[in-house]
Amino acid sequence: MDRFRKNILPVVYGYVFYRGCIGTGLHVYAMTISPNVKASDFDAYTILQFQSMVLNIIFWFLRVTGVVVLMWGIYGMVTAKKDGDADSINQAMLKLIFGTVFLCMPGILNALKIIV
């Protein structure tokens, strides 16, 4: 029974990831990409729609990564402050900074006029 409890959490997380990312359609601007996509489905789209789709997929992954790294940094900061370890505090600060940058990447690139 103990082995079952230890292995159920990764299975649940894997199922949630599958349903959230792979099992459902991905919506970007005017396009919806189903899980059963074929190469011929993209023939009707312009290059600008395709570029926006690729950028939005990349930004979605960056935002998800940013949220995970930000939560990891908050947890690391709390535990490092509790332990009083200066090196762990510095590592947690780096995680907080990188998580925030990943989360705000589209806004940063828009402000720098790299993307429109």
PDB file of N, CA and C in Angstrom:
ATOM      1  N   MET A   1       0.813  -1.197   0.000  1.00  0.00           N
ATOM      2  CA  MET A   1       0.000   0.000   0.000  1.00  0.00           C
ATOM      3  C   MET A   1       0.860   1.266   0.000  1.00  0.00           C
ATOM      4  N   ASP A   2       1.979   1.211   0.715  1.00  0.00           N
ATOM      5  CA  ASP A   2       2.863   2.376   0.780  1.00  0.00           C
ATOM      6  C   ASP A   2       3.461   2.675  -0.593  1.00  0.00           C
ATOM      7  N   ARG A   3       3.774   1.631  -1.336  1.00  0.00           N
ATOM      8  CA  ARG A   3       4.329   1.800  -2.683  1.00  0.00           C
ATOM      9  C   ARG A   3       3.309   2.449  -3.622  1.00  0.00           C
ATOM     10  N   PHE A   4       2.046   2.089  -3.448  1.00  0.00           N
ATOM     11  CA  PHE A   4       0.983   2.673  -4.261  1.00  0.00           C
ATOM     12  C   PHE A   4       0.848   4.166  -3.987  1.00  0.00           C
ATOM     13  N   ARG A   5       0.897   4.565  -2.741  1.00  0.00           N
ATOM     14  CA  ARG A   5       0.788   5.989  -2.390  1.00  0.00           C
ATOM     15  C   ARG A   5       1.952   6.792  -2.938  1.00  0.00           C
ATOM     16  N   LYS A   6       3.130   6.199  -2.949  1.00  0.00           N
ATOM     17  CA  LYS A   6       4.309   6.900  -3.443  1.00  0.00           C
ATOM     18  C   LYS A   6       4.258   7.085  -4.956  1.00  0.00           C
ATOM     19  N   ASN A   7       3.657   6.139  -5.678  1.00  0.00           N
ATOM     20  CA  ASN A   7       3.642   6.194  -7.135  1.00  0.00           C
ATOM     21  C   ASN A   7       2.415   6.874  -7.710  1.00  0.00           C
ATOM     22  N   ILE A   8       1.400   7.157  -6.915  1.00  0.00           N
ATOM     23  CA  ILE A   8       0.171   7.731  -7.459  1.00  0.00           C
ATOM     24  C   ILE A   8       0.355   9.207  -7.817  1.00  0.00           C
ATOM     25  N   LEU A   9       1.161   9.948  -7.079  1.00  0.00           N
ATOM     26  CA  LEU A   9       1.326  11.376  -7.346  1.00  0.00           C
ATOM     27  C   LEU A   9       1.921  11.655  -8.723  1.00  0.00           C
ATOM     28  N   PRO A  10       3.008  10.982  -9.158  1.00  0.00           N
ATOM     29  CA  PRO A  10       3.493  11.230 -10.520  1.00  0.00           C
ATOM     30  C   PRO A  10       2.485  10.852 -11.603  1.00  0.00           C
ATOM     31  N   VAL A  11       1.680   9.831 -11.344  1.00  0.00           N
ATOM     32  CA  VAL A  11       0.658   9.441 -12.320  1.00  0.00           C
ATOM     33  C   VAL A  11      -0.396  10.529 -12.446  1.00  0.00           C
ATOM     34  N   VAL A  12      -0.823  11.076 -11.317  1.00  0.00           N
ATOM     35  CA  VAL A  12      -1.827  12.153 -11.338  1.00  0.00           C
ATOM     36  C   VAL A  12      -1.257  13.382 -12.031  1.00  0.00           C
ATOM     37  N   TYR A  13      -0.024  13.768 -11.703  1.00  0.00           N
ATOM     38  CA  TYR A  13       0.598  14.924 -12.354  1.00  0.00           C
ATOM     39  C   TYR A  13       0.753  14.694 -13.857  1.00  0.00           C
ATOM     40  N   GLY A  14       1.137  13.486 -14.239  1.00  0.00           N
ATOM     41  CA  GLY A  14       1.273  13.180 -15.662  1.00  0.00           C
ATOM     42  C   GLY A  14      -0.059  13.276 -16.388  1.00  0.00           C
ATOM     43  N   TYR A  15      -1.132  12.811 -15.763  1.00  0.00           N
ATOM     44  CA  TYR A  15      -2.448  12.893 -16.377  1.00  0.00           C
ATOM     45  C   TYR A  15      -2.898  14.346 -16.511  1.00  0.00           C
ATOM     46  N   VAL A  16      -2.672  15.139 -15.468  1.00  0.00           N
ATOM     47  CA  VAL A  16      -3.052  16.555 -15.525  1.00  0.00           C
ATOM     48  C   VAL A  16      -2.259  17.263 -16.618  1.00  0.00           C
ATOM     49  N   PHE A  17      -0.962  16.967 -16.741  1.00  0.00           N
ATOM     50  CA  PHE A  17      -0.149  17.568 -17.797  1.00  0.00           C
ATOM     51  C   PHE A  17      -0.666  17.145 -19.168  1.00  0.00           C
ATOM     52  N   TYR A  18      -0.991  15.863 -19.326  1.00  0.00           N
ATOM     53  CA  TYR A  18      -1.500  15.383 -20.609  1.00  0.00           C
ATOM     54  C   TYR A  18      -2.810  16.065 -20.969  1.00  0.00           C
ATOM     55  N   ARG A  19      -3.736  16.157 -20.041  1.00  0.00           N
ATOM     56  CA  ARG A  19      -5.038  16.775 -20.326  1.00  0.00           C
ATOM     57  C   ARG A  19      -4.880  18.271 -20.589  1.00  0.00           C
ATOM     58  N   GLY A  20      -3.977  18.916 -19.869  1.00  0.00           N
ATOM     59  CA  GLY A  20      -3.822  20.357 -20.025  1.00  0.00           C
ATOM     60  C   GLY A  20      -3.035  20.766 -21.240  1.00  0.00           C
ATOM     61  N   CYS A  21      -2.078  19.955 -21.652  1.00  0.00           N
ATOM     62  CA  CYS A  21      -1.171  20.368 -22.718  1.00  0.00           C
ATOM     63  C   CYS A  21      -1.354  19.591 -24.012  1.00  0.00           C
ATOM     64  N   ILE A  22      -1.518  18.296 -23.911  1.00  0.00           N
ATOM     65  CA  ILE A  22      -1.478  17.464 -25.103  1.00  0.00           C
ATOM     66  C   ILE A  22      -2.870  16.987 -25.506  1.00  0.00           C
ATOM     67  N   GLY A  23      -3.669  16.591 -24.551  1.00  0.00           N
ATOM     68  CA  GLY A  23      -4.937  15.956 -24.845  1.00  0.00           C
ATOM     69  C   GLY A  23      -6.016  16.885 -25.342  1.00  0.00           C
ATOM     70  N   THR A  24      -5.895  18.163 -25.107  1.00  0.00           N
ATOM     71  CA  THR A  24      -6.898  19.117 -25.553  1.00  0.00           C
ATOM     72  C   THR A  24      -6.330  19.976 -26.669  1.00  0.00           C
ATOM     73  N   GLY A  25      -7.175  20.733 -27.334  1.00  0.00           N
ATOM     74  CA  GLY A  25      -6.716  21.611 -28.399  1.00  0.00           C
ATOM     75  C   GLY A  25      -5.948  22.793 -27.858  1.00  0.00           C
ATOM     76  N   LEU A  26      -4.998  23.259 -28.616  1.00  0.00           N
ATOM     77  CA  LEU A  26      -4.213  24.423 -28.251  1.00  0.00           C
ATOM     78  C   LEU A  26      -4.758  25.618 -29.024  1.00  0.00           C
ATOM     79  N   HIS A  27      -5.146  26.678 -28.331  1.00  0.00           N
ATOM     80  CA  HIS A  27      -5.770  27.834 -28.958  1.00  0.00           C
ATOM     81  C   HIS A  27      -4.760  28.984 -29.019  1.00  0.00           C
ATOM     82  N   VAL A  28      -4.435  29.427 -30.217  1.00  0.00           N
ATOM     83  CA  VAL A  28      -3.558  30.571 -30.402  1.00  0.00           C
ATOM     84  C   VAL A  28      -4.162  31.469 -31.465  1.00  0.00           C
ATOM     85  N   TYR A  29      -4.398  32.705 -31.079  1.00  0.00           N
ATOM     86  CA  TYR A  29      -5.024  33.696 -31.948  1.00  0.00           C
ATOM     87  C   TYR A  29      -6.242  33.107 -32.658  1.00  0.00           C
ATOM     88  N   ALA A  30      -6.244  33.044 -33.961  1.00  0.00           N
ATOM     89  CA  ALA A  30      -7.426  32.587 -34.697  1.00  0.00           C
ATOM     90  C   ALA A  30      -7.366  31.103 -35.012  1.00  0.00           C
ATOM     91  N   MET A  31      -6.351  30.399 -34.530  1.00  0.00           N
ATOM     92  CA  MET A  31      -6.185  28.988 -34.878  1.00  0.00           C
ATOM     93  C   MET A  31      -6.488  28.107 -33.683  1.00  0.00           C
ATOM     94  N   THR A  32      -6.958  26.940 -33.963  1.00  0.00           N
ATOM     95  CA  THR A  32      -7.089  25.888 -32.961  1.00  0.00           C
ATOM     96  C   THR A  32      -6.407  24.654 -33.524  1.00  0.00           C
ATOM     97  N   ILE A  33      -5.466  24.142 -32.769  1.00  0.00           N
ATOM     98  CA  ILE A  33      -4.723  22.968 -33.206  1.00  0.00           C
ATOM     99  C   ILE A  33      -5.223  21.795 -32.382  1.00  0.00           C
ATOM    100  N   SER A  34      -5.777  20.814 -33.051  1.00  0.00           N
ATOM    101  CA  SER A  34      -6.272  19.632 -32.352  1.00  0.00           C
ATOM    102  C   SER A  34      -5.121  18.654 -32.133  1.00  0.00           C
ATOM    103  N   PRO A  35      -5.295  17.692 -31.248  1.00  0.00           N
ATOM    104  CA  PRO A  35      -4.226  16.694 -31.053  1.00  0.00           C
ATOM    105  C   PRO A  35      -3.977  15.826 -32.283  1.00  0.00           C
ATOM    106  N   ASN A  36      -4.942  15.736 -33.197  1.00  0.00           N
ATOM    107  CA  ASN A  36      -4.788  14.906 -34.398  1.00  0.00           C
ATOM    108  C   ASN A  36      -4.435  15.756 -35.616  1.00  0.00           C
ATOM    109  N   VAL A  37      -3.518  16.677 -35.468  1.00  0.00           N
ATOM    110  CA  VAL A  37      -3.171  17.605 -36.534  1.00  0.00           C
ATOM    111  C   VAL A  37      -2.354  16.898 -37.621  1.00  0.00           C
ATOM    112  N   LYS A  38      -2.584  17.301 -38.869  1.00  0.00           N
ATOM    113  CA  LYS A  38      -1.819  16.796 -40.010  1.00  0.00           C
ATOM    114  C   LYS A  38      -1.085  17.984 -40.645  1.00  0.00           C
ATOM    115  N   ALA A  39      -0.076  17.705 -41.422  1.00  0.00           N
ATOM    116  CA  ALA A  39       0.688  18.773 -42.056  1.00  0.00           C
ATOM    117  C   ALA A  39      -0.165  19.566 -43.044  1.00  0.00           C
ATOM    118  N   SER A  40      -1.128  18.917 -43.686  1.00  0.00           N
ATOM    119  CA  SER A  40      -1.973  19.615 -44.658  1.00  0.00           C
ATOM    120  C   SER A  40      -2.946  20.591 -43.997  1.00  0.00           C
ATOM    121  N   ASP A  41      -3.129  20.502 -42.683  1.00  0.00           N
ATOM    122  CA  ASP A  41      -4.019  21.427 -41.983  1.00  0.00           C
ATOM    123  C   ASP A  41      -3.469  22.851 -41.978  1.00  0.00           C
ATOM    124  N   PHE A  42      -2.172  23.011 -42.176  1.00  0.00           N
ATOM    125  CA  PHE A  42      -1.549  24.329 -42.118  1.00  0.00           C
ATOM    126  C   PHE A  42      -1.482  25.026 -43.475  1.00  0.00           C
ATOM    127  N   ASP A  43      -1.993  24.419 -44.527  1.00  0.00           N
ATOM    128  CA  ASP A  43      -1.909  25.003 -45.862  1.00  0.00           C
ATOM    129  C   ASP A  43      -2.721  26.285 -46.004  1.00  0.00           C
ATOM    130  N   ALA A  44      -3.783  26.440 -45.252  1.00  0.00           N
ATOM    131  CA  ALA A  44      -4.665  27.601 -45.402  1.00  0.00           C
ATOM    132  C   ALA A  44      -4.186  28.816 -44.613  1.00  0.00           C
ATOM    133  N   TYR A  45      -3.169  28.686 -43.789  1.00  0.00           N
ATOM    134  CA  TYR A  45      -2.734  29.781 -42.930  1.00  0.00           C
ATOM    135  C   TYR A  45      -1.629  30.604 -43.579  1.00  0.00           C
ATOM    136  N   THR A  46      -1.598  31.882 -43.240  1.00  0.00           N
ATOM    137  CA  THR A  46      -0.541  32.760 -43.744  1.00  0.00           C
ATOM    138  C   THR A  46       0.699  32.608 -42.866  1.00  0.00           C
ATOM    139  N   ILE A  47       1.797  33.174 -43.324  1.00  0.00           N
ATOM    140  CA  ILE A  47       3.042  33.083 -42.564  1.00  0.00           C
ATOM    141  C   ILE A  47       2.944  33.876 -41.265  1.00  0.00           C
ATOM    142  N   LEU A  48       2.202  34.977 -41.245  1.00  0.00           N
ATOM    143  CA  LEU A  48       2.052  35.753 -40.014  1.00  0.00           C
ATOM    144  C   LEU A  48       1.261  34.983 -38.971  1.00  0.00           C
ATOM    145  N   GLN A  49       0.235  34.259 -39.395  1.00  0.00           N
ATOM    146  CA  GLN A  49      -0.511  33.433 -38.450  1.00  0.00           C
ATOM    147  C   GLN A  49       0.367  32.312 -37.899  1.00  0.00           C
ATOM    148  N   PHE A  50       1.179  31.732 -38.761  1.00  0.00           N
ATOM    149  CA  PHE A  50       2.064  30.654 -38.319  1.00  0.00           C
ATOM    150  C   PHE A  50       3.120  31.178 -37.345  1.00  0.00           C
ATOM    151  N   GLN A  51       3.691  32.361 -37.639  1.00  0.00           N
ATOM    152  CA  GLN A  51       4.679  32.942 -36.740  1.00  0.00           C
ATOM    153  C   GLN A  51       4.073  33.262 -35.385  1.00  0.00           C
ATOM    154  N   SER A  52       2.864  33.827 -35.384  1.00  0.00           N
ATOM    155  CA  SER A  52       2.227  34.144 -34.110  1.00  0.00           C
ATOM    156  C   SER A  52       1.908  32.872 -33.338  1.00  0.00           C
ATOM    157  N   MET A  53       1.544  31.805 -34.044  1.00  0.00           N
ATOM    158  CA  MET A  53       1.262  30.544 -33.378  1.00  0.00           C
ATOM    159  C   MET A  53       2.525  29.987 -32.713  1.00  0.00           C
ATOM    160  N   VAL A  54       3.638  29.996 -33.433  1.00  0.00           N
ATOM    161  CA  VAL A  54       4.890  29.481 -32.884  1.00  0.00           C
ATOM    162  C   VAL A  54       5.341  30.328 -31.697  1.00  0.00           C
ATOM    163  N   LEU A  55       5.266  31.647 -31.816  1.00  0.00           N
ATOM    164  CA  LEU A  55       5.648  32.518 -30.705  1.00  0.00           C
ATOM    165  C   LEU A  55       4.761  32.299 -29.484  1.00  0.00           C
ATOM    166  N   ASN A  56       3.472  32.152 -29.700  1.00  0.00           N
ATOM    167  CA  ASN A  56       2.581  31.952 -28.566  1.00  0.00           C
ATOM    168  C   ASN A  56       2.807  30.612 -27.887  1.00  0.00           C
ATOM    169  N   ILE A  57       3.154  29.588 -28.639  1.00  0.00           N
ATOM    170  CA  ILE A  57       3.486  28.296 -28.030  1.00  0.00           C
ATOM    171  C   ILE A  57       4.754  28.429 -27.188  1.00  0.00           C
ATOM    172  N   ILE A  58       5.759  29.103 -27.727  1.00  0.00           N
ATOM    173  CA  ILE A  58       7.007  29.307 -26.989  1.00  0.00           C
ATOM    174  C   ILE A  58       6.754  30.126 -25.726  1.00  0.00           C
ATOM    175  N   PHE A  59       5.967  31.203 -25.847  1.00  0.00           N
ATOM    176  CA  PHE A  59       5.673  32.027 -24.677  1.00  0.00           C
ATOM    177  C   PHE A  59       4.849  31.271 -23.644  1.00  0.00           C
ATOM    178  N   TRP A  60       3.971  30.380 -24.104  1.00  0.00           N
ATOM    179  CA  TRP A  60       3.194  29.576 -23.159  1.00  0.00           C
ATOM    180  C   TRP A  60       4.124  28.688 -22.341  1.00  0.00           C
ATOM    181  N   PHE A  61       5.083  28.023 -23.013  1.00  0.00           N
ATOM    182  CA  PHE A  61       6.029  27.185 -22.286  1.00  0.00           C
ATOM    183  C   PHE A  61       6.910  28.021 -21.361  1.00  0.00           C
ATOM    184  N   LEU A  62       7.305  29.217 -21.789  1.00  0.00           N
ATOM    185  CA  LEU A  62       8.099  30.087 -20.919  1.00  0.00           C
ATOM    186  C   LEU A  62       7.304  30.504 -19.688  1.00  0.00           C
ATOM    187  N   ARG A  63       6.031  30.804 -19.870  1.00  0.00           N
ATOM    188  CA  ARG A  63       5.203  31.194 -18.721  1.00  0.00           C
ATOM    189  C   ARG A  63       5.031  30.045 -17.747  1.00  0.00           C
ATOM    190  N   VAL A  64       4.799  28.844 -18.260  1.00  0.00           N
ATOM    191  CA  VAL A  64       4.661  27.687 -17.383  1.00  0.00           C
ATOM    192  C   VAL A  64       5.967  27.438 -16.635  1.00  0.00           C
ATOM    193  N   THR A  65       7.083  27.507 -17.349  1.00  0.00           N
ATOM    194  CA  THR A  65       8.384  27.347 -16.710  1.00  0.00           C
ATOM    195  C   THR A  65       8.621  28.448 -15.690  1.00  0.00           C
ATOM    196  N   GLY A  66       8.231  29.679 -16.020  1.00  0.00           N
ATOM    197  CA  GLY A  66       8.387  30.798 -15.094  1.00  0.00           C
ATOM    198  C   GLY A  66       7.589  30.613 -13.817  1.00  0.00           C
ATOM    199  N   VAL A  67       6.375  30.103 -13.935  1.00  0.00           N
ATOM    200  CA  VAL A  67       5.560  29.865 -12.738  1.00  0.00           C
ATOM    201  C   VAL A  67       6.199  28.800 -11.859  1.00  0.00           C
ATOM    202  N   VAL A  68       6.683  27.722 -12.485  1.00  0.00           N
ATOM    203  CA  VAL A  68       7.316  26.650 -11.714  1.00  0.00           C
ATOM    204  C   VAL A  68       8.585  27.148 -11.032  1.00  0.00           C
ATOM    205  N   VAL A  69       9.425  27.879 -11.763  1.00  0.00           N
ATOM    206  CA  VAL A  69      10.673  28.388 -11.187  1.00  0.00           C
ATOM    207  C   VAL A  69      10.379  29.427 -10.104  1.00  0.00           C
ATOM    208  N   LEU A  70       9.355  30.242 -10.299  1.00  0.00           N
ATOM    209  CA  LEU A  70       8.977  31.234  -9.300  1.00  0.00           C
ATOM    210  C   LEU A  70       8.505  30.556  -8.013  1.00  0.00           C
ATOM    211  N   MET A  71       7.686  29.530  -8.133  1.00  0.00           N
ATOM    212  CA  MET A  71       7.235  28.807  -6.940  1.00  0.00           C
ATOM    213  C   MET A  71       8.397  28.100  -6.251  1.00  0.00           C
ATOM    214  N   TRP A  72       9.312  27.548  -7.052  1.00  0.00           N
ATOM    215  CA  TRP A  72      10.500  26.896  -6.508  1.00  0.00           C
ATOM    216  C   TRP A  72      11.365  27.923  -5.765  1.00  0.00           C
ATOM    217  N   GLY A  73      11.483  29.120  -6.327  1.00  0.00           N
ATOM    218  CA  GLY A  73      12.261  30.176  -5.678  1.00  0.00           C
ATOM    219  C   GLY A  73      11.623  30.653  -4.385  1.00  0.00           C
ATOM    220  N   ILE A  74      10.298  30.768  -4.364  1.00  0.00           N
ATOM    221  CA  ILE A  74       9.610  31.184  -3.132  1.00  0.00           C
ATOM    222  C   ILE A  74       9.810  30.131  -2.044  1.00  0.00           C
ATOM    223  N   TYR A  75       9.647  28.868  -2.422  1.00  0.00           N
ATOM    224  CA  TYR A  75       9.877  27.792  -1.455  1.00  0.00           C
ATOM    225  C   TYR A  75      11.330  27.803  -0.961  1.00  0.00           C
ATOM    226  N   GLY A  76      12.275  27.974  -1.880  1.00  0.00           N
ATOM    227  CA  GLY A  76      13.685  28.029  -1.495  1.00  0.00           C
ATOM    228  C   GLY A  76      13.994  29.217  -0.610  1.00  0.00           C
ATOM    229  N   MET A  77      13.349  30.356  -0.867  1.00  0.00           N
ATOM    230  CA  MET A  77      13.577  31.547  -0.046  1.00  0.00           C
ATOM    231  C   MET A  77      13.051  31.327   1.371  1.00  0.00           C
ATOM    232  N   VAL A  78      11.868  30.745   1.485  1.00  0.00           N
ATOM    233  CA  VAL A  78      11.291  30.505   2.809  1.00  0.00           C
ATOM    234  C   VAL A  78      12.152  29.540   3.611  1.00  0.00           C
ATOM    235  N   THR A  79      12.573  28.443   2.981  1.00  0.00           N
ATOM    236  CA  THR A  79      13.396  27.480   3.709  1.00  0.00           C
ATOM    237  C   THR A  79      14.791  28.026   3.999  1.00  0.00           C
ATOM    238  N   ALA A  80      15.346  28.821   3.102  1.00  0.00           N
ATOM    239  CA  ALA A  80      16.678  29.386   3.333  1.00  0.00           C
ATOM    240  C   ALA A  80      16.643  30.439   4.439  1.00  0.00           C
ATOM    241  N   LYS A  81      15.586  31.243   4.483  1.00  0.00           N
ATOM    242  CA  LYS A  81      15.465  32.235   5.573  1.00  0.00           C
ATOM    243  C   LYS A  81      15.314  31.525   6.910  1.00  0.00           C
ATOM    244  N   LYS A  82      14.571  30.420   6.905  1.00  0.00           N
ATOM    245  CA  LYS A  82      14.375  29.670   8.144  1.00  0.00           C
ATOM    246  C   LYS A  82      15.684  29.069   8.631  1.00  0.00           C
ATOM    247  N   ASP A  83      16.501  28.561   7.691  1.00  0.00           N
ATOM    248  CA  ASP A  83      17.779  27.952   8.057  1.00  0.00           C
ATOM    249  C   ASP A  83      18.886  28.988   8.248  1.00  0.00           C
ATOM    250  N   GLY A  84      18.726  30.174   7.670  1.00  0.00           N
ATOM    251  CA  GLY A  84      19.739  31.213   7.785  1.00  0.00           C
ATOM    252  C   GLY A  84      20.949  30.972   6.903  1.00  0.00           C
ATOM    253  N   ASP A  85      20.785  30.260   5.803  1.00  0.00           N
ATOM    254  CA  ASP A  85      21.882  29.919   4.894  1.00  0.00           C
ATOM    255  C   ASP A  85      21.975  30.970   3.791  1.00  0.00           C
ATOM    256  N   ALA A  86      23.093  31.705   3.753  1.00  0.00           N
ATOM    257  CA  ALA A  86      23.250  32.803   2.794  1.00  0.00           C
ATOM    258  C   ALA A  86      23.365  32.298   1.356  1.00  0.00           C
ATOM    259  N   ASP A  87      24.039  31.181   1.130  1.00  0.00           N
ATOM    260  CA  ASP A  87      24.159  30.647  -0.232  1.00  0.00           C
ATOM    261  C   ASP A  87      22.806  30.209  -0.783  1.00  0.00           C
ATOM    262  N   SER A  88      22.001  29.595   0.059  1.00  0.00           N
ATOM    263  CA  SER A  88      20.668  29.189  -0.386  1.00  0.00           C
ATOM    264  C   SER A  88      19.778  30.392  -0.661  1.00  0.00           C
ATOM    265  N   ILE A  89      19.955  31.455   0.098  1.00  0.00           N
ATOM    266  CA  ILE A  89      19.188  32.679  -0.153  1.00  0.00           C
ATOM    267  C   ILE A  89      19.562  33.260  -1.511  1.00  0.00           C
ATOM    268  N   ASN A  90      20.860  33.262  -1.841  1.00  0.00           N
ATOM    269  CA  ASN A  90      21.293  33.761  -3.151  1.00  0.00           C
ATOM    270  C   ASN A  90      20.740  32.904  -4.292  1.00  0.00           C
ATOM    271  N   GLN A  91      20.761  31.596  -4.131  1.00  0.00           N
ATOM    272  CA  GLN A  91      20.209  30.716  -5.156  1.00  0.00           C
ATOM    273  C   GLN A  91      18.707  30.928  -5.312  1.00  0.00           C
ATOM    274  N   ALA A  92      18.012  31.108  -4.194  1.00  0.00           N
ATOM    275  CA  ALA A  92      16.569  31.351  -4.262  1.00  0.00           C
ATOM    276  C   ALA A  92      16.272  32.686  -4.938  1.00  0.00           C
ATOM    277  N   MET A  93      17.101  33.699  -4.689  1.00  0.00           N
ATOM    278  CA  MET A  93      16.908  34.990  -5.352  1.00  0.00           C
ATOM    279  C   MET A  93      17.089  34.864  -6.861  1.00  0.00           C
ATOM    280  N   LEU A  94      18.081  34.091  -7.285  1.00  0.00           N
ATOM    281  CA  LEU A  94      18.269  33.862  -8.724  1.00  0.00           C
ATOM    282  C   LEU A  94      17.062  33.158  -9.332  1.00  0.00           C
ATOM    283  N   LYS A  95      16.522  32.182  -8.621  1.00  0.00           N
ATOM    284  CA  LYS A  95      15.331  31.492  -9.117  1.00  0.00           C
ATOM    285  C   LYS A  95      14.148  32.451  -9.207  1.00  0.00           C
ATOM    286  N   LEU A  96      14.004  33.317  -8.232  1.00  0.00           N
ATOM    287  CA  LEU A  96      12.921  34.304  -8.270  1.00  0.00           C
ATOM    288  C   LEU A  96      13.082  35.258  -9.450  1.00  0.00           C
ATOM    289  N   ILE A  97      14.303  35.698  -9.693  1.00  0.00           N
ATOM    290  CA  ILE A  97      14.555  36.614 -10.809  1.00  0.00           C
ATOM    291  C   ILE A  97      14.289  35.932 -12.145  1.00  0.00           C
ATOM    292  N   PHE A  98      14.838  34.720 -12.340  1.00  0.00           N
ATOM    293  CA  PHE A  98      14.622  34.024 -13.605  1.00  0.00           C
ATOM    294  C   PHE A  98      13.160  33.645 -13.805  1.00  0.00           C
ATOM    295  N   GLY A  99      12.470  33.252 -12.740  1.00  0.00           N
ATOM    296  CA  GLY A  99      11.054  32.937 -12.854  1.00  0.00           C
ATOM    297  C   GLY A  99      10.240  34.147 -13.264  1.00  0.00           C
ATOM    298  N   THR A 100      10.555  35.304 -12.704  1.00  0.00           N
ATOM    299  CA  THR A 100       9.855  36.535 -13.066  1.00  0.00           C
ATOM    300  C   THR A 100      10.148  36.930 -14.510  1.00  0.00           C
ATOM    301  N   VAL A 101      11.395  36.793 -14.933  1.00  0.00           N
ATOM    302  CA  VAL A 101      11.754  37.127 -16.317  1.00  0.00           C
ATOM    303  C   VAL A 101      11.042  36.191 -17.287  1.00  0.00           C
ATOM    304  N   PHE A 102      11.022  34.893 -16.996  1.00  0.00           N
ATOM    305  CA  PHE A 102      10.313  33.953 -17.871  1.00  0.00           C
ATOM    306  C   PHE A 102       8.831  34.260 -17.933  1.00  0.00           C
ATOM    307  N   LEU A 103       8.256  34.618 -16.794  1.00  0.00           N
ATOM    308  CA  LEU A 103       6.823  34.897 -16.736  1.00  0.00           C
ATOM    309  C   LEU A 103       6.466  36.162 -17.504  1.00  0.00           C
ATOM    310  N   CYS A 104       7.349  37.146 -17.483  1.00  0.00           N
ATOM    311  CA  CYS A 104       7.083  38.438 -18.128  1.00  0.00           C
ATOM    312  C   CYS A 104       7.768  38.587 -19.482  1.00  0.00           C
ATOM    313  N   MET A 105       8.279  37.525 -20.062  1.00  0.00           N
ATOM    314  CA  MET A 105       9.049  37.607 -21.304  1.00  0.00           C
ATOM    315  C   MET A 105       8.300  38.290 -22.449  1.00  0.00           C
ATOM    316  N   PRO A 106       7.015  37.987 -22.730  1.00  0.00           N
ATOM    317  CA  PRO A 106       6.355  38.697 -23.831  1.00  0.00           C
ATOM    318  C   PRO A 106       6.264  40.198 -23.591  1.00  0.00           C
ATOM    319  N   GLY A 107       5.984  40.607 -22.372  1.00  0.00           N
ATOM    320  CA  GLY A 107       5.924  42.038 -22.058  1.00  0.00           C
ATOM    321  C   GLY A 107       7.273  42.716 -22.193  1.00  0.00           C
ATOM    322  N   ILE A 108       8.325  42.024 -21.787  1.00  0.00           N
ATOM    323  CA  ILE A 108       9.676  42.580 -21.898  1.00  0.00           C
ATOM    324  C   ILE A 108      10.048  42.747 -23.370  1.00  0.00           C
ATOM    325  N   LEU A 109       9.757  41.735 -24.188  1.00  0.00           N
ATOM    326  CA  LEU A 109      10.095  41.829 -25.606  1.00  0.00           C
ATOM    327  C   LEU A 109       9.245  42.878 -26.322  1.00  0.00           C
ATOM    328  N   ASN A 110       7.996  43.053 -25.896  1.00  0.00           N
ATOM    329  CA  ASN A 110       7.173  44.125 -26.456  1.00  0.00           C
ATOM    330  C   ASN A 110       7.705  45.495 -26.062  1.00  0.00           C
ATOM    331  N   ALA A 111       8.136  45.656 -24.827  1.00  0.00           N
ATOM    332  CA  ALA A 111       8.669  46.946 -24.382  1.00  0.00           C
ATOM    333  C   ALA A 111       9.956  47.298 -25.103  1.00  0.00           C
ATOM    334  N   LEU A 112      10.753  46.309 -25.418  1.00  0.00           N
ATOM    335  CA  LEU A 112      12.007  46.538 -26.159  1.00  0.00           C
ATOM    336  C   LEU A 112      11.784  46.622 -27.662  1.00  0.00           C
ATOM    337  N   LYS A 113      10.523  46.450 -28.101  1.00  0.00           N
ATOM    338  CA  LYS A 113      10.125  46.496 -29.506  1.00  0.00           C
ATOM    339  C   LYS A 113      10.845  45.446 -30.352  1.00  0.00           C
ATOM    340  N   ILE A 114      11.116  44.289 -29.733  1.00  0.00           N
ATOM    341  CA  ILE A 114      11.682  43.169 -30.463  1.00  0.00           C
ATOM    342  C   ILE A 114      10.582  42.423 -31.198  1.00  0.00           C
ATOM    343  N   ILE A 115       9.425  42.281 -30.534  1.00  0.00           N
ATOM    344  CA  ILE A 115       8.253  41.724 -31.181  1.00  0.00           C
ATOM    345  C   ILE A 115       7.144  42.757 -31.113  1.00  0.00           C
ATOM    346  N   VAL A 116       6.163  42.602 -31.971  1.00  0.00           N
ATOM    347  CA  VAL A 116       5.059  43.568 -32.006  1.00  0.00           C
ATOM    348  C   VAL A 116       3.807  42.896 -31.531  1.00  0.00           C
TER     349      VAL A 116
END
